[in-house]
Amino acid sequence: MTTPAWLTVLTTTDSEEKAHSLAQGVVEARLAACVQISAPVTSVYRWQNAIETTEEWQLLFKTTTERYEELEAHLRAAHDYEIPEIVAIPVVRGSAPYLAWVSAETAPVTSL
């Protein structure tokens, strides 16, 4: 199986302000072309031997496989969760113009 060229990466955070800050930082760094923020979702999970229910904001980052490692490192550094959810979902098909835009917007900037 070949590695997909594009990914949708998701994470969650516990406030709208944090979600916007993460999104802004990632797009400014050209690690994602676009970030969609879904207003509150309810997460139910086990943490430290207890079942927790939390309101969170989910972020979906549109990026390339080439930029994934840098995106993950950025999210780990900027996120305040001890173990943030960072999951990459391969994009196996998509609109060619859209995917070209994602590639162009996430291309590393070279200095002259």
PDB file of N, CA and C in Angstrom:
ATOM      1  N   MET A   1       0.842  -1.182   0.000  1.00  0.00           N
ATOM      2  CA  MET A   1       0.000   0.000   0.000  1.00  0.00           C
ATOM      3  C   MET A   1       0.888   1.246   0.000  1.00  0.00           C
ATOM      4  N   THR A   2       0.562   2.190  -0.819  1.00  0.00           N
ATOM      5  CA  THR A   2       1.352   3.419  -0.886  1.00  0.00           C
ATOM      6  C   THR A   2       0.914   4.387   0.207  1.00  0.00           C
ATOM      7  N   THR A   3       1.840   5.211   0.621  1.00  0.00           N
ATOM      8  CA  THR A   3       1.547   6.216   1.632  1.00  0.00           C
ATOM      9  C   THR A   3       0.758   7.350   0.980  1.00  0.00           C
ATOM     10  N   PRO A   4      -0.353   7.770   1.595  1.00  0.00           N
ATOM     11  CA  PRO A   4      -1.122   8.875   1.013  1.00  0.00           C
ATOM     12  C   PRO A   4      -0.330  10.178   1.094  1.00  0.00           C
ATOM     13  N   ALA A   5      -0.556  11.032   0.149  1.00  0.00           N
ATOM     14  CA  ALA A   5       0.148  12.320   0.120  1.00  0.00           C
ATOM     15  C   ALA A   5      -0.475  13.339   1.070  1.00  0.00           C
ATOM     16  N   TRP A   6      -1.755  13.151   1.422  1.00  0.00           N
ATOM     17  CA  TRP A   6      -2.473  14.117   2.254  1.00  0.00           C
ATOM     18  C   TRP A   6      -3.076  13.437   3.466  1.00  0.00           C
ATOM     19  N   LEU A   7      -3.251  14.235   4.515  1.00  0.00           N
ATOM     20  CA  LEU A   7      -3.807  13.738   5.767  1.00  0.00           C
ATOM     21  C   LEU A   7      -4.810  14.733   6.327  1.00  0.00           C
ATOM     22  N   THR A   8      -5.760  14.217   7.079  1.00  0.00           N
ATOM     23  CA  THR A   8      -6.543  15.023   8.001  1.00  0.00           C
ATOM     24  C   THR A   8      -6.091  14.593   9.389  1.00  0.00           C
ATOM     25  N   VAL A   9      -5.624  15.544  10.170  1.00  0.00           N
ATOM     26  CA  VAL A   9      -5.126  15.257  11.513  1.00  0.00           C
ATOM     27  C   VAL A   9      -6.088  15.888  12.508  1.00  0.00           C
ATOM     28  N   LEU A  10      -6.421  15.135  13.555  1.00  0.00           N
ATOM     29  CA  LEU A  10      -7.347  15.703  14.515  1.00  0.00           C
ATOM     30  C   LEU A  10      -6.767  15.733  15.911  1.00  0.00           C
ATOM     31  N   THR A  11      -7.246  16.717  16.655  1.00  0.00           N
ATOM     32  CA  THR A  11      -6.954  16.838  18.078  1.00  0.00           C
ATOM     33  C   THR A  11      -8.152  17.507  18.731  1.00  0.00           C
ATOM     34  N   THR A  12      -8.144  17.544  20.043  1.00  0.00           N
ATOM     35  CA  THR A  12      -9.176  18.243  20.801  1.00  0.00           C
ATOM     36  C   THR A  12      -8.513  19.099  21.860  1.00  0.00           C
ATOM     37  N   THR A  13      -9.238  20.091  22.329  1.00  0.00           N
ATOM     38  CA  THR A  13      -8.785  20.918  23.442  1.00  0.00           C
ATOM     39  C   THR A  13     -10.004  21.350  24.243  1.00  0.00           C
ATOM     40  N   ASP A  14      -9.771  21.906  25.409  1.00  0.00           N
ATOM     41  CA  ASP A  14     -10.886  22.150  26.327  1.00  0.00           C
ATOM     42  C   ASP A  14     -11.473  23.556  26.294  1.00  0.00           C
ATOM     43  N   SER A  15     -11.089  24.389  25.326  1.00  0.00           N
ATOM     44  CA  SER A  15     -11.727  25.705  25.218  1.00  0.00           C
ATOM     45  C   SER A  15     -11.675  26.213  23.785  1.00  0.00           C
ATOM     46  N   GLU A  16     -12.614  27.053  23.469  1.00  0.00           N
ATOM     47  CA  GLU A  16     -12.659  27.652  22.134  1.00  0.00           C
ATOM     48  C   GLU A  16     -11.420  28.507  21.885  1.00  0.00           C
ATOM     49  N   GLU A  17     -10.985  29.239  22.899  1.00  0.00           N
ATOM     50  CA  GLU A  17      -9.814  30.101  22.754  1.00  0.00           C
ATOM     51  C   GLU A  17      -8.562  29.269  22.442  1.00  0.00           C
ATOM     52  N   LYS A  18      -8.381  28.155  23.135  1.00  0.00           N
ATOM     53  CA  LYS A  18      -7.233  27.292  22.875  1.00  0.00           C
ATOM     54  C   LYS A  18      -7.309  26.696  21.474  1.00  0.00           C
ATOM     55  N   ALA A  19      -8.511  26.337  21.044  1.00  0.00           N
ATOM     56  CA  ALA A  19      -8.683  25.787  19.703  1.00  0.00           C
ATOM     57  C   ALA A  19      -8.260  26.811  18.649  1.00  0.00           C
ATOM     58  N   HIS A  20      -8.699  28.047  18.813  1.00  0.00           N
ATOM     59  CA  HIS A  20      -8.333  29.094  17.856  1.00  0.00           C
ATOM     60  C   HIS A  20      -6.833  29.368  17.881  1.00  0.00           C
ATOM     61  N   SER A  21      -6.238  29.345  19.050  1.00  0.00           N
ATOM     62  CA  SER A  21      -4.798  29.570  19.167  1.00  0.00           C
ATOM     63  C   SER A  21      -4.005  28.462  18.475  1.00  0.00           C
ATOM     64  N   LEU A  22      -4.388  27.205  18.697  1.00  0.00           N
ATOM     65  CA  LEU A  22      -3.720  26.094  18.020  1.00  0.00           C
ATOM     66  C   LEU A  22      -3.872  26.216  16.506  1.00  0.00           C
ATOM     67  N   ALA A  23      -5.092  26.507  16.044  1.00  0.00           N
ATOM     68  CA  ALA A  23      -5.345  26.625  14.606  1.00  0.00           C
ATOM     69  C   ALA A  23      -4.513  27.739  13.991  1.00  0.00           C
ATOM     70  N   GLN A  24      -4.510  28.893  14.616  1.00  0.00           N
ATOM     71  CA  GLN A  24      -3.770  30.048  14.101  1.00  0.00           C
ATOM     72  C   GLN A  24      -2.286  29.738  13.998  1.00  0.00           C
ATOM     73  N   GLY A  25      -1.717  29.163  15.042  1.00  0.00           N
ATOM     74  CA  GLY A  25      -0.294  28.859  15.052  1.00  0.00           C
ATOM     75  C   GLY A  25       0.112  27.868  13.974  1.00  0.00           C
ATOM     76  N   VAL A  26      -0.723  26.857  13.759  1.00  0.00           N
ATOM     77  CA  VAL A  26      -0.424  25.831  12.757  1.00  0.00           C
ATOM     78  C   VAL A  26      -0.507  26.402  11.343  1.00  0.00           C
ATOM     79  N   VAL A  27      -1.533  27.188  11.058  1.00  0.00           N
ATOM     80  CA  VAL A  27      -1.671  27.767   9.722  1.00  0.00           C
ATOM     81  C   VAL A  27      -0.552  28.796   9.479  1.00  0.00           C
ATOM     82  N   GLU A  28      -0.229  29.601  10.483  1.00  0.00           N
ATOM     83  CA  GLU A  28       0.871  30.556  10.333  1.00  0.00           C
ATOM     84  C   GLU A  28       2.188  29.849  10.024  1.00  0.00           C
ATOM     85  N   ALA A  29       2.397  28.683  10.632  1.00  0.00           N
ATOM     86  CA  ALA A  29       3.628  27.920  10.418  1.00  0.00           C
ATOM     87  C   ALA A  29       3.588  27.096   9.126  1.00  0.00           C
ATOM     88  N   ARG A  30       2.479  27.175   8.391  1.00  0.00           N
ATOM     89  CA  ARG A  30       2.290  26.448   7.126  1.00  0.00           C
ATOM     90  C   ARG A  30       2.330  24.924   7.326  1.00  0.00           C
ATOM     91  N   LEU A  31       1.918  24.476   8.503  1.00  0.00           N
ATOM     92  CA  LEU A  31       1.877  23.049   8.786  1.00  0.00           C
ATOM     93  C   LEU A  31       0.530  22.448   8.419  1.00  0.00           C
ATOM     94  N   ALA A  32      -0.438  23.294   8.177  1.00  0.00           N
ATOM     95  CA  ALA A  32      -1.753  22.887   7.662  1.00  0.00           C
ATOM     96  C   ALA A  32      -2.276  24.020   6.800  1.00  0.00           C
ATOM     97  N   ALA A  33      -2.997  23.661   5.756  1.00  0.00           N
ATOM     98  CA  ALA A  33      -3.578  24.672   4.872  1.00  0.00           C
ATOM     99  C   ALA A  33      -4.849  25.258   5.478  1.00  0.00           C
ATOM    100  N   CYS A  34      -5.516  24.446   6.276  1.00  0.00           N
ATOM    101  CA  CYS A  34      -6.813  24.817   6.819  1.00  0.00           C
ATOM    102  C   CYS A  34      -7.014  24.042   8.118  1.00  0.00           C
ATOM    103  N   VAL A  35      -7.690  24.659   9.056  1.00  0.00           N
ATOM    104  CA  VAL A  35      -8.080  23.969  10.280  1.00  0.00           C
ATOM    105  C   VAL A  35      -9.556  24.246  10.504  1.00  0.00           C
ATOM    106  N   GLN A  36     -10.321  23.200  10.657  1.00  0.00           N
ATOM    107  CA  GLN A  36     -11.736  23.352  10.981  1.00  0.00           C
ATOM    108  C   GLN A  36     -11.917  23.073  12.466  1.00  0.00           C
ATOM    109  N   ILE A  37     -12.676  23.945  13.127  1.00  0.00           N
ATOM    110  CA  ILE A  37     -12.945  23.804  14.551  1.00  0.00           C
ATOM    111  C   ILE A  37     -14.421  23.470  14.712  1.00  0.00           C
ATOM    112  N   SER A  38     -14.685  22.335  15.322  1.00  0.00           N
ATOM    113  CA  SER A  38     -16.064  21.937  15.609  1.00  0.00           C
ATOM    114  C   SER A  38     -16.394  22.347  17.034  1.00  0.00           C
ATOM    115  N   ALA A  39     -17.467  23.117  17.150  1.00  0.00           N
ATOM    116  CA  ALA A  39     -17.861  23.612  18.457  1.00  0.00           C
ATOM    117  C   ALA A  39     -18.472  22.493  19.273  1.00  0.00           C
ATOM    118  N   PRO A  40     -18.531  22.721  20.534  1.00  0.00           N
ATOM    119  CA  PRO A  40     -18.250  21.679  21.501  1.00  0.00           C
ATOM    120  C   PRO A  40     -18.772  20.292  21.142  1.00  0.00           C
ATOM    121  N   VAL A  41     -17.892  19.368  21.402  1.00  0.00           N
ATOM    122  CA  VAL A  41     -18.210  17.947  21.310  1.00  0.00           C
ATOM    123  C   VAL A  41     -18.071  17.399  22.722  1.00  0.00           C
ATOM    124  N   THR A  42     -18.744  16.322  23.005  1.00  0.00           N
ATOM    125  CA  THR A  42     -18.634  15.690  24.312  1.00  0.00           C
ATOM    126  C   THR A  42     -17.734  14.476  24.180  1.00  0.00           C
ATOM    127  N   SER A  43     -16.691  14.441  24.986  1.00  0.00           N
ATOM    128  CA  SER A  43     -15.770  13.309  25.000  1.00  0.00           C
ATOM    129  C   SER A  43     -15.970  12.526  26.291  1.00  0.00           C
ATOM    130  N   VAL A  44     -16.078  11.220  26.153  1.00  0.00           N
ATOM    131  CA  VAL A  44     -16.176  10.320  27.300  1.00  0.00           C
ATOM    132  C   VAL A  44     -14.980   9.395  27.215  1.00  0.00           C
ATOM    133  N   TYR A  45     -14.179   9.344  28.256  1.00  0.00           N
ATOM    134  CA  TYR A  45     -12.927   8.596  28.209  1.00  0.00           C
ATOM    135  C   TYR A  45     -12.498   8.176  29.613  1.00  0.00           C
ATOM    136  N   ARG A  46     -11.593   7.223  29.652  1.00  0.00           N
ATOM    137  CA  ARG A  46     -11.003   6.804  30.923  1.00  0.00           C
ATOM    138  C   ARG A  46      -9.678   7.539  31.092  1.00  0.00           C
ATOM    139  N   TRP A  47      -9.507   8.177  32.253  1.00  0.00           N
ATOM    140  CA  TRP A  47      -8.261   8.883  32.548  1.00  0.00           C
ATOM    141  C   TRP A  47      -7.953   8.695  34.028  1.00  0.00           C
ATOM    142  N   GLN A  48      -6.785   8.174  34.305  1.00  0.00           N
ATOM    143  CA  GLN A  48      -6.317   7.946  35.664  1.00  0.00           C
ATOM    144  C   GLN A  48      -7.348   7.170  36.489  1.00  0.00           C
ATOM    145  N   ASN A  49      -7.802   6.050  35.894  1.00  0.00           N
ATOM    146  CA  ASN A  49      -8.725   5.105  36.537  1.00  0.00           C
ATOM    147  C   ASN A  49     -10.114   5.655  36.824  1.00  0.00           C
ATOM    148  N   ALA A  50     -10.511   6.697  36.110  1.00  0.00           N
ATOM    149  CA  ALA A  50     -11.858   7.243  36.273  1.00  0.00           C
ATOM    150  C   ALA A  50     -12.456   7.500  34.893  1.00  0.00           C
ATOM    151  N   ILE A  51     -13.773   7.371  34.795  1.00  0.00           N
ATOM    152  CA  ILE A  51     -14.476   7.722  33.568  1.00  0.00           C
ATOM    153  C   ILE A  51     -14.775   9.215  33.623  1.00  0.00           C
ATOM    154  N   GLU A  52     -14.305   9.922  32.627  1.00  0.00           N
ATOM    155  CA  GLU A  52     -14.477  11.378  32.545  1.00  0.00           C
ATOM    156  C   GLU A  52     -15.422  11.722  31.401  1.00  0.00           C
ATOM    157  N   THR A  53     -16.162  12.791  31.556  1.00  0.00           N
ATOM    158  CA  THR A  53     -16.978  13.361  30.492  1.00  0.00           C
ATOM    159  C   THR A  53     -16.625  14.840  30.423  1.00  0.00           C
ATOM    160  N   THR A  54     -16.165  15.270  29.237  1.00  0.00           N
ATOM    161  CA  THR A  54     -15.658  16.631  29.095  1.00  0.00           C
ATOM    162  C   THR A  54     -16.173  17.262  27.814  1.00  0.00           C
ATOM    163  N   GLU A  55     -16.450  18.538  27.872  1.00  0.00           N
ATOM    164  CA  GLU A  55     -16.780  19.310  26.677  1.00  0.00           C
ATOM    165  C   GLU A  55     -15.464  19.764  26.053  1.00  0.00           C
ATOM    166  N   GLU A  56     -15.291  19.466  24.764  1.00  0.00           N
ATOM    167  CA  GLU A  56     -14.058  19.819  24.074  1.00  0.00           C
ATOM    168  C   GLU A  56     -14.371  20.411  22.703  1.00  0.00           C
ATOM    169  N   TRP A  57     -13.360  21.046  22.112  1.00  0.00           N
ATOM    170  CA  TRP A  57     -13.432  21.557  20.753  1.00  0.00           C
ATOM    171  C   TRP A  57     -12.516  20.681  19.914  1.00  0.00           C
ATOM    172  N   GLN A  58     -13.058  20.163  18.819  1.00  0.00           N
ATOM    173  CA  GLN A  58     -12.283  19.284  17.945  1.00  0.00           C
ATOM    174  C   GLN A  58     -11.722  20.096  16.789  1.00  0.00           C
ATOM    175  N   LEU A  59     -10.449  19.860  16.477  1.00  0.00           N
ATOM    176  CA  LEU A  59      -9.787  20.531  15.368  1.00  0.00           C
ATOM    177  C   LEU A  59      -9.407  19.503  14.320  1.00  0.00           C
ATOM    178  N   LEU A  60      -9.669  19.823  13.057  1.00  0.00           N
ATOM    179  CA  LEU A  60      -9.301  18.986  11.920  1.00  0.00           C
ATOM    180  C   LEU A  60      -8.323  19.782  11.054  1.00  0.00           C
ATOM    181  N   PHE A  61      -7.094  19.280  10.987  1.00  0.00           N
ATOM    182  CA  PHE A  61      -6.028  19.949  10.241  1.00  0.00           C
ATOM    183  C   PHE A  61      -5.895  19.295   8.870  1.00  0.00           C
ATOM    184  N   LYS A  62      -5.878  20.070   7.799  1.00  0.00           N
ATOM    185  CA  LYS A  62      -5.691  19.575   6.435  1.00  0.00           C
ATOM    186  C   LYS A  62      -4.235  19.803   6.062  1.00  0.00           C
ATOM    187  N   THR A  63      -3.496  18.709   5.857  1.00  0.00           N
ATOM    188  CA  THR A  63      -2.062  18.824   5.650  1.00  0.00           C
ATOM    189  C   THR A  63      -1.552  17.739   4.712  1.00  0.00           C
ATOM    190  N   THR A  64      -0.245  17.716   4.538  1.00  0.00           N
ATOM    191  CA  THR A  64       0.391  16.682   3.721  1.00  0.00           C
ATOM    192  C   THR A  64       1.158  15.727   4.632  1.00  0.00           C
ATOM    193  N   THR A  65       1.384  14.529   4.127  1.00  0.00           N
ATOM    194  CA  THR A  65       2.171  13.549   4.871  1.00  0.00           C
ATOM    195  C   THR A  65       3.564  14.098   5.139  1.00  0.00           C
ATOM    196  N   GLU A  66       4.094  14.828   4.176  1.00  0.00           N
ATOM    197  CA  GLU A  66       5.431  15.422   4.304  1.00  0.00           C
ATOM    198  C   GLU A  66       5.549  16.333   5.524  1.00  0.00           C
ATOM    199  N   ARG A  67       4.466  17.013   5.892  1.00  0.00           N
ATOM    200  CA  ARG A  67       4.502  17.981   7.001  1.00  0.00           C
ATOM    201  C   ARG A  67       4.038  17.397   8.334  1.00  0.00           C
ATOM    202  N   TYR A  68       3.631  16.115   8.329  1.00  0.00           N
ATOM    203  CA  TYR A  68       3.040  15.532   9.540  1.00  0.00           C
ATOM    204  C   TYR A  68       3.964  15.608  10.757  1.00  0.00           C
ATOM    205  N   GLU A  69       5.203  15.191  10.634  1.00  0.00           N
ATOM    206  CA  GLU A  69       6.108  15.151  11.793  1.00  0.00           C
ATOM    207  C   GLU A  69       6.235  16.538  12.433  1.00  0.00           C
ATOM    208  N   GLU A  70       6.367  17.569  11.607  1.00  0.00           N
ATOM    209  CA  GLU A  70       6.468  18.930  12.132  1.00  0.00           C
ATOM    210  C   GLU A  70       5.159  19.366  12.777  1.00  0.00           C
ATOM    211  N   LEU A  71       4.034  18.981  12.166  1.00  0.00           N
ATOM    212  CA  LEU A  71       2.729  19.315  12.740  1.00  0.00           C
ATOM    213  C   LEU A  71       2.581  18.650  14.109  1.00  0.00           C
ATOM    214  N   GLU A  72       2.906  17.372  14.193  1.00  0.00           N
ATOM    215  CA  GLU A  72       2.790  16.678  15.479  1.00  0.00           C
ATOM    216  C   GLU A  72       3.682  17.330  16.534  1.00  0.00           C
ATOM    217  N   ALA A  73       4.913  17.645  16.174  1.00  0.00           N
ATOM    218  CA  ALA A  73       5.829  18.288  17.121  1.00  0.00           C
ATOM    219  C   ALA A  73       5.275  19.640  17.588  1.00  0.00           C
ATOM    220  N   HIS A  74       4.718  20.402  16.649  1.00  0.00           N
ATOM    221  CA  HIS A  74       4.132  21.708  16.992  1.00  0.00           C
ATOM    222  C   HIS A  74       2.971  21.528  17.959  1.00  0.00           C
ATOM    223  N   LEU A  75       2.076  20.571  17.664  1.00  0.00           N
ATOM    224  CA  LEU A  75       0.926  20.347  18.535  1.00  0.00           C
ATOM    225  C   LEU A  75       1.357  19.891  19.922  1.00  0.00           C
ATOM    226  N   ARG A  76       2.328  18.994  19.988  1.00  0.00           N
ATOM    227  CA  ARG A  76       2.817  18.534  21.299  1.00  0.00           C
ATOM    228  C   ARG A  76       3.380  19.699  22.121  1.00  0.00           C
ATOM    229  N   ALA A  77       4.115  20.593  21.468  1.00  0.00           N
ATOM    230  CA  ALA A  77       4.719  21.732  22.169  1.00  0.00           C
ATOM    231  C   ALA A  77       3.674  22.770  22.579  1.00  0.00           C
ATOM    232  N   ALA A  78       2.669  22.990  21.740  1.00  0.00           N
ATOM    233  CA  ALA A  78       1.692  24.052  21.988  1.00  0.00           C
ATOM    234  C   ALA A  78       0.498  23.597  22.836  1.00  0.00           C
ATOM    235  N   HIS A  79       0.267  22.302  22.903  1.00  0.00           N
ATOM    236  CA  HIS A  79      -0.909  21.762  23.592  1.00  0.00           C
ATOM    237  C   HIS A  79      -0.667  21.688  25.088  1.00  0.00           C
ATOM    238  N   ASP A  80      -1.712  21.928  25.877  1.00  0.00           N
ATOM    239  CA  ASP A  80      -1.543  21.858  27.331  1.00  0.00           C
ATOM    240  C   ASP A  80      -2.012  20.530  27.933  1.00  0.00           C
ATOM    241  N   TYR A  81      -2.516  19.606  27.110  1.00  0.00           N
ATOM    242  CA  TYR A  81      -2.881  18.288  27.627  1.00  0.00           C
ATOM    243  C   TYR A  81      -1.608  17.476  27.859  1.00  0.00           C
ATOM    244  N   GLU A  82      -1.623  16.655  28.886  1.00  0.00           N
ATOM    245  CA  GLU A  82      -0.484  15.779  29.160  1.00  0.00           C
ATOM    246  C   GLU A  82      -0.253  14.807  28.005  1.00  0.00           C
ATOM    247  N   ILE A  83      -1.340  14.236  27.504  1.00  0.00           N
ATOM    248  CA  ILE A  83      -1.276  13.331  26.347  1.00  0.00           C
ATOM    249  C   ILE A  83      -2.357  13.774  25.359  1.00  0.00           C
ATOM    250  N   PRO A  84      -2.048  14.731  24.487  1.00  0.00           N
ATOM    251  CA  PRO A  84      -3.077  15.189  23.548  1.00  0.00           C
ATOM    252  C   PRO A  84      -3.379  14.127  22.494  1.00  0.00           C
ATOM    253  N   GLU A  85      -4.620  14.086  22.102  1.00  0.00           N
ATOM    254  CA  GLU A  85      -5.018  13.240  20.971  1.00  0.00           C
ATOM    255  C   GLU A  85      -4.433  13.870  19.711  1.00  0.00           C
ATOM    256  N   ILE A  86      -3.628  13.102  18.995  1.00  0.00           N
ATOM    257  CA  ILE A  86      -3.121  13.530  17.691  1.00  0.00           C
ATOM    258  C   ILE A  86      -3.237  12.303  16.803  1.00  0.00           C
ATOM    259  N   VAL A  87      -4.214  12.311  15.906  1.00  0.00           N
ATOM    260  CA  VAL A  87      -4.506  11.155  15.063  1.00  0.00           C
ATOM    261  C   VAL A  87      -4.538  11.618  13.612  1.00  0.00           C
ATOM    262  N   ALA A  88      -3.812  10.899  12.762  1.00  0.00           N
ATOM    263  CA  ALA A  88      -3.767  11.222  11.335  1.00  0.00           C
ATOM    264  C   ALA A  88      -4.629  10.230  10.571  1.00  0.00           C
ATOM    265  N   ILE A  89      -5.483  10.756   9.730  1.00  0.00           N
ATOM    266  CA  ILE A  89      -6.362   9.948   8.893  1.00  0.00           C
ATOM    267  C   ILE A  89      -5.959  10.185   7.439  1.00  0.00           C
ATOM    268  N   PRO A  90      -5.634   9.120   6.707  1.00  0.00           N
ATOM    269  CA  PRO A  90      -5.197   9.314   5.324  1.00  0.00           C
ATOM    270  C   PRO A  90      -6.337   9.801   4.433  1.00  0.00           C
ATOM    271  N   VAL A  91      -5.998  10.691   3.522  1.00  0.00           N
ATOM    272  CA  VAL A  91      -6.929  11.132   2.482  1.00  0.00           C
ATOM    273  C   VAL A  91      -6.582  10.303   1.251  1.00  0.00           C
ATOM    274  N   VAL A  92      -7.447   9.391   0.897  1.00  0.00           N
ATOM    275  CA  VAL A  92      -7.144   8.504  -0.229  1.00  0.00           C
ATOM    276  C   VAL A  92      -7.639   9.057  -1.560  1.00  0.00           C
ATOM    277  N   ARG A  93      -8.602   9.945  -1.516  1.00  0.00           N
ATOM    278  CA  ARG A  93      -9.109  10.603  -2.722  1.00  0.00           C
ATOM    279  C   ARG A  93      -9.624  11.967  -2.339  1.00  0.00           C
ATOM    280  N   GLY A  94      -9.647  12.857  -3.324  1.00  0.00           N
ATOM    281  CA  GLY A  94     -10.178  14.194  -3.083  1.00  0.00           C
ATOM    282  C   GLY A  94     -10.149  14.999  -4.358  1.00  0.00           C
ATOM    283  N   SER A  95     -10.764  16.145  -4.310  1.00  0.00           N
ATOM    284  CA  SER A  95     -10.783  17.063  -5.439  1.00  0.00           C
ATOM    285  C   SER A  95      -9.349  17.486  -5.750  1.00  0.00           C
ATOM    286  N   ALA A  96      -8.927  17.289  -6.993  1.00  0.00           N
ATOM    287  CA  ALA A  96      -7.553  17.621  -7.391  1.00  0.00           C
ATOM    288  C   ALA A  96      -7.203  19.087  -7.110  1.00  0.00           C
ATOM    289  N   PRO A  97      -8.083  20.054  -7.444  1.00  0.00           N
ATOM    290  CA  PRO A  97      -7.721  21.443  -7.144  1.00  0.00           C
ATOM    291  C   PRO A  97      -7.579  21.697  -5.639  1.00  0.00           C
ATOM    292  N   TYR A  98      -8.432  21.087  -4.836  1.00  0.00           N
ATOM    293  CA  TYR A  98      -8.344  21.270  -3.385  1.00  0.00           C
ATOM    294  C   TYR A  98      -7.048  20.677  -2.846  1.00  0.00           C
ATOM    295  N   LEU A  99      -6.727  19.461  -3.250  1.00  0.00           N
ATOM    296  CA  LEU A  99      -5.508  18.814  -2.762  1.00  0.00           C
ATOM    297  C   LEU A  99      -4.251  19.550  -3.231  1.00  0.00           C
ATOM    298  N   ALA A 100      -4.304  20.117  -4.429  1.00  0.00           N
ATOM    299  CA  ALA A 100      -3.184  20.936  -4.909  1.00  0.00           C
ATOM    300  C   ALA A 100      -3.026  22.178  -4.035  1.00  0.00           C
ATOM    301  N   TRP A 101      -4.157  22.770  -3.635  1.00  0.00           N
ATOM    302  CA  TRP A 101      -4.125  23.934  -2.749  1.00  0.00           C
ATOM    303  C   TRP A 101      -3.510  23.561  -1.399  1.00  0.00           C
ATOM    304  N   VAL A 102      -3.919  22.420  -0.823  1.00  0.00           N
ATOM    305  CA  VAL A 102      -3.340  21.966   0.455  1.00  0.00           C
ATOM    306  C   VAL A 102      -1.824  21.815   0.306  1.00  0.00           C
ATOM    307  N   SER A 103      -1.394  21.197  -0.778  1.00  0.00           N
ATOM    308  CA  SER A 103       0.044  21.016  -1.000  1.00  0.00           C
ATOM    309  C   SER A 103       0.772  22.356  -1.106  1.00  0.00           C
ATOM    310  N   ALA A 104       0.194  23.281  -1.852  1.00  0.00           N
ATOM    311  CA  ALA A 104       0.823  24.586  -2.033  1.00  0.00           C
ATOM    312  C   ALA A 104       0.890  25.370  -0.721  1.00  0.00           C
ATOM    313  N   GLU A 105      -0.174  25.321   0.060  1.00  0.00           N
ATOM    314  CA  GLU A 105      -0.227  26.092   1.303  1.00  0.00           C
ATOM    315  C   GLU A 105       0.638  25.521   2.416  1.00  0.00           C
ATOM    316  N   THR A 106       1.007  24.255   2.304  1.00  0.00           N
ATOM    317  CA  THR A 106       1.834  23.630   3.341  1.00  0.00           C
ATOM    318  C   THR A 106       3.280  23.431   2.892  1.00  0.00           C
ATOM    319  N   ALA A 107       3.586  23.873   1.687  1.00  0.00           N
ATOM    320  CA  ALA A 107       4.965  23.739   1.192  1.00  0.00           C
ATOM    321  C   ALA A 107       5.887  24.595   2.060  1.00  0.00           C
ATOM    322  N   PRO A 108       7.016  24.049   2.477  1.00  0.00           N
ATOM    323  CA  PRO A 108       7.959  24.833   3.270  1.00  0.00           C
ATOM    324  C   PRO A 108       8.396  26.073   2.487  1.00  0.00           C
ATOM    325  N   VAL A 109       8.488  27.171   3.175  1.00  0.00           N
ATOM    326  CA  VAL A 109       8.937  28.413   2.563  1.00  0.00           C
ATOM    327  C   VAL A 109      10.454  28.392   2.521  1.00  0.00           C
ATOM    328  N   THR A 110      10.984  28.624   1.344  1.00  0.00           N
ATOM    329  CA  THR A 110      12.443  28.668   1.217  1.00  0.00           C
ATOM    330  C   THR A 110      12.876  30.124   1.212  1.00  0.00           C
ATOM    331  N   SER A 111      13.916  30.408   1.947  1.00  0.00           N
ATOM    332  CA  SER A 111      14.426  31.787   1.963  1.00  0.00           C
ATOM    333  C   SER A 111      15.499  31.929   0.896  1.00  0.00           C
ATOM    334  N   LEU A 112      15.506  33.097   0.299  1.00  0.00           N
ATOM    335  CA  LEU A 112      16.456  33.377  -0.780  1.00  0.00           C
ATOM    336  C   LEU A 112      17.728  33.987  -0.248  1.00  0.00           C
TER     337      LEU A 112
END
